[in-house]
PDB file of N, CA and C in Angstrom:
ATOM      1  N   UNK A   1     -58.714  92.342  65.827  1.00  0.00           N
ATOM      2  CA  UNK A   1     -59.603  93.458  65.738  1.00  0.00           C
ATOM      3  C   UNK A   1     -59.577  93.924  64.322  1.00  0.00           C
ATOM      4  N   UNK A   2     -60.794  94.269  63.691  1.00  0.00           N
ATOM      5  CA  UNK A   2     -60.896  94.794  62.461  1.00  0.00           C
ATOM      6  C   UNK A   2     -61.706  96.020  62.520  1.00  0.00           C
ATOM      7  N   UNK A   3     -61.358  97.144  61.881  1.00  0.00           N
ATOM      8  CA  UNK A   3     -62.141  98.363  61.861  1.00  0.00           C
ATOM      9  C   UNK A   3     -62.838  98.430  60.562  1.00  0.00           C
ATOM     10  N   UNK A   4     -64.112  98.511  60.518  1.00  0.00           N
ATOM     11  CA  UNK A   4     -65.118  98.607  59.495  1.00  0.00           C
ATOM     12  C   UNK A   4     -66.045  99.702  59.555  1.00  0.00           C
ATOM     13  N   UNK A   5     -65.488 100.964  59.340  1.00  0.00           N
ATOM     14  CA  UNK A   5     -66.318 102.158  59.571  1.00  0.00           C
ATOM     15  C   UNK A   5     -67.515 102.239  58.520  1.00  0.00           C
ATOM     16  N   UNK A   6     -68.635 102.502  59.035  1.00  0.00           N
ATOM     17  CA  UNK A   6     -69.759 102.723  58.102  1.00  0.00           C
ATOM     18  C   UNK A   6     -70.594 101.456  57.955  1.00  0.00           C
ATOM     19  N   UNK A   7     -70.162 100.361  58.527  1.00  0.00           N
ATOM     20  CA  UNK A   7     -70.818  98.971  58.382  1.00  0.00           C
ATOM     21  C   UNK A   7     -71.568  98.759  59.670  1.00  0.00           C
ATOM     22  N   UNK A   8     -72.803  98.134  59.597  1.00  0.00           N
ATOM     23  CA  UNK A   8     -73.562  97.616  60.706  1.00  0.00           C
ATOM     24  C   UNK A   8     -73.136  96.143  60.924  1.00  0.00           C
ATOM     25  N   UNK A   9     -73.180  95.624  62.054  1.00  0.00           N
ATOM     26  CA  UNK A   9     -72.745  94.403  62.374  1.00  0.00           C
ATOM     27  C   UNK A   9     -73.612  93.278  61.557  1.00  0.00           C
ATOM     28  N   UNK A  10     -74.869  93.718  61.212  1.00  0.00           N
ATOM     29  CA  UNK A  10     -75.655  92.798  60.209  1.00  0.00           C
ATOM     30  C   UNK A  10     -75.077  92.675  58.826  1.00  0.00           C
ATOM     31  N   UNK A  11     -74.122  93.523  58.400  1.00  0.00           N
ATOM     32  CA  UNK A  11     -73.636  93.621  57.122  1.00  0.00           C
ATOM     33  C   UNK A  11     -72.369  92.948  56.979  1.00  0.00           C
ATOM     34  N   UNK A  12     -71.879  92.339  58.161  1.00  0.00           N
ATOM     35  CA  UNK A  12     -70.546  91.616  58.163  1.00  0.00           C
ATOM     36  C   UNK A  12     -70.840  90.174  58.386  1.00  0.00           C
ATOM     37  N   UNK A  13     -69.986  89.397  57.669  1.00  0.00           N
ATOM     38  CA  UNK A  13     -70.089  87.887  57.743  1.00  0.00           C
ATOM     39  C   UNK A  13     -68.701  87.468  58.342  1.00  0.00           C
ATOM     40  N   UNK A  14     -68.722  86.742  59.466  1.00  0.00           N
ATOM     41  CA  UNK A  14     -67.538  86.125  59.931  1.00  0.00           C
ATOM     42  C   UNK A  14     -67.683  84.654  59.998  1.00  0.00           C
ATOM     43  N   UNK A  15     -66.845  83.932  59.332  1.00  0.00           N
ATOM     44  CA  UNK A  15     -66.846  82.436  59.259  1.00  0.00           C
ATOM     45  C   UNK A  15     -65.405  81.884  59.518  1.00  0.00           C
ATOM     46  N   UNK A  16     -65.524  80.610  60.108  1.00  0.00           N
ATOM     47  CA  UNK A  16     -64.278  79.821  60.362  1.00  0.00           C
ATOM     48  C   UNK A  16     -64.372  78.484  59.518  1.00  0.00           C
ATOM     49  N   UNK A  17     -63.490  78.153  58.734  1.00  0.00           N
ATOM     50  CA  UNK A  17     -63.259  76.891  58.078  1.00  0.00           C
ATOM     51  C   UNK A  17     -61.968  76.327  58.206  1.00  0.00           C
ATOM     52  N   UNK A  18     -61.875  75.375  59.062  1.00  0.00           N
ATOM     53  CA  UNK A  18     -60.491  74.746  59.410  1.00  0.00           C
ATOM     54  C   UNK A  18     -59.825  75.763  60.156  1.00  0.00           C
ATOM     55  N   UNK A  19     -58.540  76.266  59.771  1.00  0.00           N
ATOM     56  CA  UNK A  19     -57.892  77.201  60.494  1.00  0.00           C
ATOM     57  C   UNK A  19     -57.796  78.507  59.717  1.00  0.00           C
ATOM     58  N   UNK A  20     -58.868  78.667  58.786  1.00  0.00           N
ATOM     59  CA  UNK A  20     -59.060  79.956  58.255  1.00  0.00           C
ATOM     60  C   UNK A  20     -60.203  80.897  58.660  1.00  0.00           C
ATOM     61  N   UNK A  21     -59.988  81.919  59.103  1.00  0.00           N
ATOM     62  CA  UNK A  21     -60.996  83.018  59.596  1.00  0.00           C
ATOM     63  C   UNK A  21     -61.253  83.819  58.367  1.00  0.00           C
ATOM     64  N   UNK A  22     -62.641  83.936  57.990  1.00  0.00           N
ATOM     65  CA  UNK A  22     -62.939  84.803  56.844  1.00  0.00           C
ATOM     66  C   UNK A  22     -63.876  85.971  57.344  1.00  0.00           C
ATOM     67  N   UNK A  23     -63.646  87.164  57.042  1.00  0.00           N
ATOM     68  CA  UNK A  23     -64.409  88.209  57.320  1.00  0.00           C
ATOM     69  C   UNK A  23     -64.804  88.890  55.935  1.00  0.00           C
ATOM     70  N   UNK A  24     -66.083  89.009  55.682  1.00  0.00           N
ATOM     71  CA  UNK A  24     -66.536  89.559  54.386  1.00  0.00           C
ATOM     72  C   UNK A  24     -67.722  90.317  54.627  1.00  0.00           C
ATOM     73  N   UNK A  25     -68.106  91.236  53.526  1.00  0.00           N
ATOM     74  CA  UNK A  25     -69.302  92.067  53.524  1.00  0.00           C
ATOM     75  C   UNK A  25     -69.341  92.888  52.381  1.00  0.00           C
ATOM     76  N   UNK A  26     -70.197  93.931  52.435  1.00  0.00           N
ATOM     77  CA  UNK A  26     -70.178  94.897  51.225  1.00  0.00           C
ATOM     78  C   UNK A  26     -70.615  96.246  51.770  1.00  0.00           C
ATOM     79  N   UNK A  27     -69.792  97.116  51.428  1.00  0.00           N
ATOM     80  CA  UNK A  27     -70.061  98.642  51.768  1.00  0.00           C
ATOM     81  C   UNK A  27     -70.708  99.255  50.520  1.00  0.00           C
ATOM     82  N   UNK A  28     -71.930  99.691  50.811  1.00  0.00           N
ATOM     83  CA  UNK A  28     -72.674 100.372  49.664  1.00  0.00           C
ATOM     84  C   UNK A  28     -72.393 101.853  49.653  1.00  0.00           C
ATOM     85  N   UNK A  29     -72.370 102.429  48.478  1.00  0.00           N
ATOM     86  CA  UNK A  29     -72.127 104.027  48.267  1.00  0.00           C
ATOM     87  C   UNK A  29     -73.402 104.721  48.927  1.00  0.00           C
ATOM     88  N   UNK A  30     -73.008 105.682  49.669  1.00  0.00           N
ATOM     89  CA  UNK A  30     -74.208 106.550  50.231  1.00  0.00           C
ATOM     90  C   UNK A  30     -74.660 107.428  49.072  1.00  0.00           C
ATOM     91  N   UNK A  31     -75.891 107.644  49.079  1.00  0.00           N
ATOM     92  CA  UNK A  31     -76.566 108.571  48.025  1.00  0.00           C
ATOM     93  C   UNK A  31     -76.697 109.914  48.655  1.00  0.00           C
ATOM     94  N   UNK A  32     -76.143 110.961  48.129  1.00  0.00           N
ATOM     95  CA  UNK A  32     -76.412 112.292  48.531  1.00  0.00           C
ATOM     96  C   UNK A  32     -77.021 113.078  47.574  1.00  0.00           C
ATOM     97  N   UNK A  33     -78.309 113.459  47.816  1.00  0.00           N
ATOM     98  CA  UNK A  33     -78.935 114.359  46.776  1.00  0.00           C
ATOM     99  C   UNK A  33     -78.506 115.802  46.861  1.00  0.00           C
ATOM    100  N   UNK A  34     -78.231 116.275  45.680  1.00  0.00           N
ATOM    101  CA  UNK A  34     -77.844 117.646  45.516  1.00  0.00           C
ATOM    102  C   UNK A  34     -76.443 117.960  45.871  1.00  0.00           C
ATOM    103  N   UNK A  35     -75.718 116.955  46.346  1.00  0.00           N
ATOM    104  CA  UNK A  35     -74.263 117.152  46.697  1.00  0.00           C
ATOM    105  C   UNK A  35     -73.421 116.388  45.880  1.00  0.00           C
ATOM    106  N   UNK A  36     -72.149 116.860  45.600  1.00  0.00           N
ATOM    107  CA  UNK A  36     -71.173 116.113  44.801  1.00  0.00           C
ATOM    108  C   UNK A  36     -69.889 115.956  45.672  1.00  0.00           C
ATOM    109  N   UNK A  37     -69.281 114.787  45.604  1.00  0.00           N
ATOM    110  CA  UNK A  37     -68.149 114.472  46.170  1.00  0.00           C
ATOM    111  C   UNK A  37     -67.044 114.584  45.086  1.00  0.00           C
ATOM    112  N   UNK A  38     -65.943 115.441  45.295  1.00  0.00           N
ATOM    113  CA  UNK A  38     -64.914 115.337  44.260  1.00  0.00           C
ATOM    114  C   UNK A  38     -63.845 114.416  44.858  1.00  0.00           C
ATOM    115  N   UNK A  39     -63.733 114.088  46.047  1.00  0.00           N
ATOM    116  CA  UNK A  39     -62.712 113.077  46.550  1.00  0.00           C
ATOM    117  C   UNK A  39     -63.295 112.526  47.671  1.00  0.00           C
ATOM    118  N   UNK A  40     -62.954 111.132  47.656  1.00  0.00           N
ATOM    119  CA  UNK A  40     -63.488 110.336  48.892  1.00  0.00           C
ATOM    120  C   UNK A  40     -62.424 109.323  49.366  1.00  0.00           C
ATOM    121  N   UNK A  41     -62.255 108.979  50.567  1.00  0.00           N
ATOM    122  CA  UNK A  41     -61.309 108.266  51.083  1.00  0.00           C
ATOM    123  C   UNK A  41     -61.834 106.858  51.433  1.00  0.00           C
ATOM    124  N   UNK A  42     -63.096 106.703  51.380  1.00  0.00           N
ATOM    125  CA  UNK A  42     -63.770 105.444  51.703  1.00  0.00           C
ATOM    126  C   UNK A  42     -64.125 104.692  50.513  1.00  0.00           C
ATOM    127  N   UNK A  43     -63.795 103.367  50.344  1.00  0.00           N
ATOM    128  CA  UNK A  43     -63.965 102.579  49.346  1.00  0.00           C
ATOM    129  C   UNK A  43     -65.304 101.757  49.511  1.00  0.00           C
ATOM    130  N   UNK A  44     -65.951 101.619  48.258  1.00  0.00           N
ATOM    131  CA  UNK A  44     -67.271 100.905  48.332  1.00  0.00           C
ATOM    132  C   UNK A  44     -67.025  99.519  47.511  1.00  0.00           C
ATOM    133  N   UNK A  45     -68.106  98.653  47.793  1.00  0.00           N
ATOM    134  CA  UNK A  45     -68.154  97.341  47.108  1.00  0.00           C
ATOM    135  C   UNK A  45     -67.866  96.188  48.051  1.00  0.00           C
ATOM    136  N   UNK A  46     -67.715  95.130  47.517  1.00  0.00           N
ATOM    137  CA  UNK A  46     -67.551  93.687  48.196  1.00  0.00           C
ATOM    138  C   UNK A  46     -66.168  93.760  48.770  1.00  0.00           C
ATOM    139  N   UNK A  47     -65.952  93.163  49.999  1.00  0.00           N
ATOM    140  CA  UNK A  47     -64.582  92.834  50.409  1.00  0.00           C
ATOM    141  C   UNK A  47     -64.642  91.487  51.220  1.00  0.00           C
ATOM    142  N   UNK A  48     -63.461  90.865  51.163  1.00  0.00           N
ATOM    143  CA  UNK A  48     -63.251  89.699  51.876  1.00  0.00           C
ATOM    144  C   UNK A  48     -61.750  89.626  52.391  1.00  0.00           C
ATOM    145  N   UNK A  49     -61.567  89.264  53.647  1.00  0.00           N
ATOM    146  CA  UNK A  49     -60.275  89.146  54.199  1.00  0.00           C
ATOM    147  C   UNK A  49     -60.167  87.714  54.818  1.00  0.00           C
ATOM    148  N   UNK A  50     -59.124  86.959  54.485  1.00  0.00           N
ATOM    149  CA  UNK A  50     -58.996  85.574  54.994  1.00  0.00           C
ATOM    150  C   UNK A  50     -57.528  85.723  55.759  1.00  0.00           C
ATOM    151  N   UNK A  51     -57.711  85.138  56.991  1.00  0.00           N
ATOM    152  CA  UNK A  51     -56.432  85.094  57.828  1.00  0.00           C
ATOM    153  C   UNK A  51     -56.339  83.648  58.380  1.00  0.00           C
ATOM    154  N   UNK A  52     -55.103  83.027  58.052  1.00  0.00           N
ATOM    155  CA  UNK A  52     -54.910  81.750  58.550  1.00  0.00           C
ATOM    156  C   UNK A  52     -54.467  81.823  59.971  1.00  0.00           C
ATOM    157  N   UNK A  53     -55.023  81.160  60.956  1.00  0.00           N
ATOM    158  CA  UNK A  53     -54.821  81.172  62.306  1.00  0.00           C
ATOM    159  C   UNK A  53     -53.597  80.253  62.592  1.00  0.00           C
ATOM    160  N   UNK A  54     -52.896  80.660  63.544  1.00  0.00           N
ATOM    161  CA  UNK A  54     -51.655  79.946  63.847  1.00  0.00           C
ATOM    162  C   UNK A  54     -51.767  78.603  64.488  1.00  0.00           C
ATOM    163  N   UNK A  55     -52.872  78.234  65.056  1.00  0.00           N
ATOM    164  CA  UNK A  55     -53.071  77.027  65.744  1.00  0.00           C
ATOM    165  C   UNK A  55     -54.363  76.409  65.455  1.00  0.00           C
ATOM    166  N   UNK A  56     -54.559  75.209  65.792  1.00  0.00           N
ATOM    167  CA  UNK A  56     -55.861  74.634  65.522  1.00  0.00           C
ATOM    168  C   UNK A  56     -56.910  75.324  66.442  1.00  0.00           C
ATOM    169  N   UNK A  57     -57.993  75.505  65.937  1.00  0.00           N
ATOM    170  CA  UNK A  57     -59.091  76.373  66.750  1.00  0.00           C
ATOM    171  C   UNK A  57     -60.329  75.428  66.877  1.00  0.00           C
ATOM    172  N   UNK A  58     -60.984  75.432  68.032  1.00  0.00           N
ATOM    173  CA  UNK A  58     -62.204  74.660  68.242  1.00  0.00           C
ATOM    174  C   UNK A  58     -63.384  75.608  67.777  1.00  0.00           C
ATOM    175  N   UNK A  59     -64.004  75.419  66.708  1.00  0.00           N
ATOM    176  CA  UNK A  59     -65.013  76.268  66.113  1.00  0.00           C
ATOM    177  C   UNK A  59     -66.141  76.473  67.184  1.00  0.00           C
ATOM    178  N   UNK A  60     -66.280  75.512  68.096  1.00  0.00           N
ATOM    179  CA  UNK A  60     -67.437  75.790  68.971  1.00  0.00           C
ATOM    180  C   UNK A  60     -67.129  76.855  70.135  1.00  0.00           C
ATOM    181  N   UNK A  61     -65.739  77.159  70.175  1.00  0.00           N
ATOM    182  CA  UNK A  61     -65.341  78.071  71.145  1.00  0.00           C
ATOM    183  C   UNK A  61     -65.115  79.438  70.558  1.00  0.00           C
ATOM    184  N   UNK A  62     -65.234  79.661  69.201  1.00  0.00           N
ATOM    185  CA  UNK A  62     -65.099  80.844  68.560  1.00  0.00           C
ATOM    186  C   UNK A  62     -66.277  81.954  68.882  1.00  0.00           C
ATOM    187  N   UNK A  63     -65.970  83.147  69.224  1.00  0.00           N
ATOM    188  CA  UNK A  63     -67.007  84.117  69.536  1.00  0.00           C
ATOM    189  C   UNK A  63     -66.448  85.444  68.687  1.00  0.00           C
ATOM    190  N   UNK A  64     -67.577  86.231  68.323  1.00  0.00           N
ATOM    191  CA  UNK A  64     -67.317  87.487  67.537  1.00  0.00           C
ATOM    192  C   UNK A  64     -68.176  88.545  68.410  1.00  0.00           C
ATOM    193  N   UNK A  65     -67.566  89.769  68.508  1.00  0.00           N
ATOM    194  CA  UNK A  65     -68.312  90.839  69.097  1.00  0.00           C
ATOM    195  C   UNK A  65     -68.024  92.155  68.099  1.00  0.00           C
ATOM    196  N   UNK A  66     -68.898  93.162  68.578  1.00  0.00           N
ATOM    197  CA  UNK A  66     -68.806  94.368  67.742  1.00  0.00           C
ATOM    198  C   UNK A  66     -68.914  95.520  68.845  1.00  0.00           C
ATOM    199  N   UNK A  67     -68.340  96.626  68.563  1.00  0.00           N
ATOM    200  CA  UNK A  67     -68.502  97.715  69.353  1.00  0.00           C
ATOM    201  C   UNK A  67     -68.433  98.990  68.387  1.00  0.00           C
ATOM    202  N   UNK A  68     -69.014 100.192  68.871  1.00  0.00           N
ATOM    203  CA  UNK A  68     -68.934 101.389  67.970  1.00  0.00           C
ATOM    204  C   UNK A  68     -67.657 102.178  68.648  1.00  0.00           C
ATOM    205  N   UNK A  69     -67.298 103.054  67.743  1.00  0.00           N
ATOM    206  CA  UNK A  69     -66.205 103.964  68.078  1.00  0.00           C
ATOM    207  C   UNK A  69     -66.696 104.920  69.011  1.00  0.00           C
ATOM    208  N   UNK A  70     -65.879 105.304  70.101  1.00  0.00           N
ATOM    209  CA  UNK A  70     -66.366 106.235  70.975  1.00  0.00           C
ATOM    210  C   UNK A  70     -65.809 107.723  70.707  1.00  0.00           C
TER     211      UNK A  70
END
């Protein structure tokens, strides 16, 4: 499970190469007209996380899903 607040599923890329699962995307800064933020806790820009899976995985059986926070 990966939490990616502020991103739509279309903005996330999930791929599997051998036993390495890669999740990547880019969070773009929101433009707020007339407002200034002095502090933000959300980071912007490209990201990539790679996870080596513990066992051989059949790429044809890999599935990804998304859900929104309730």
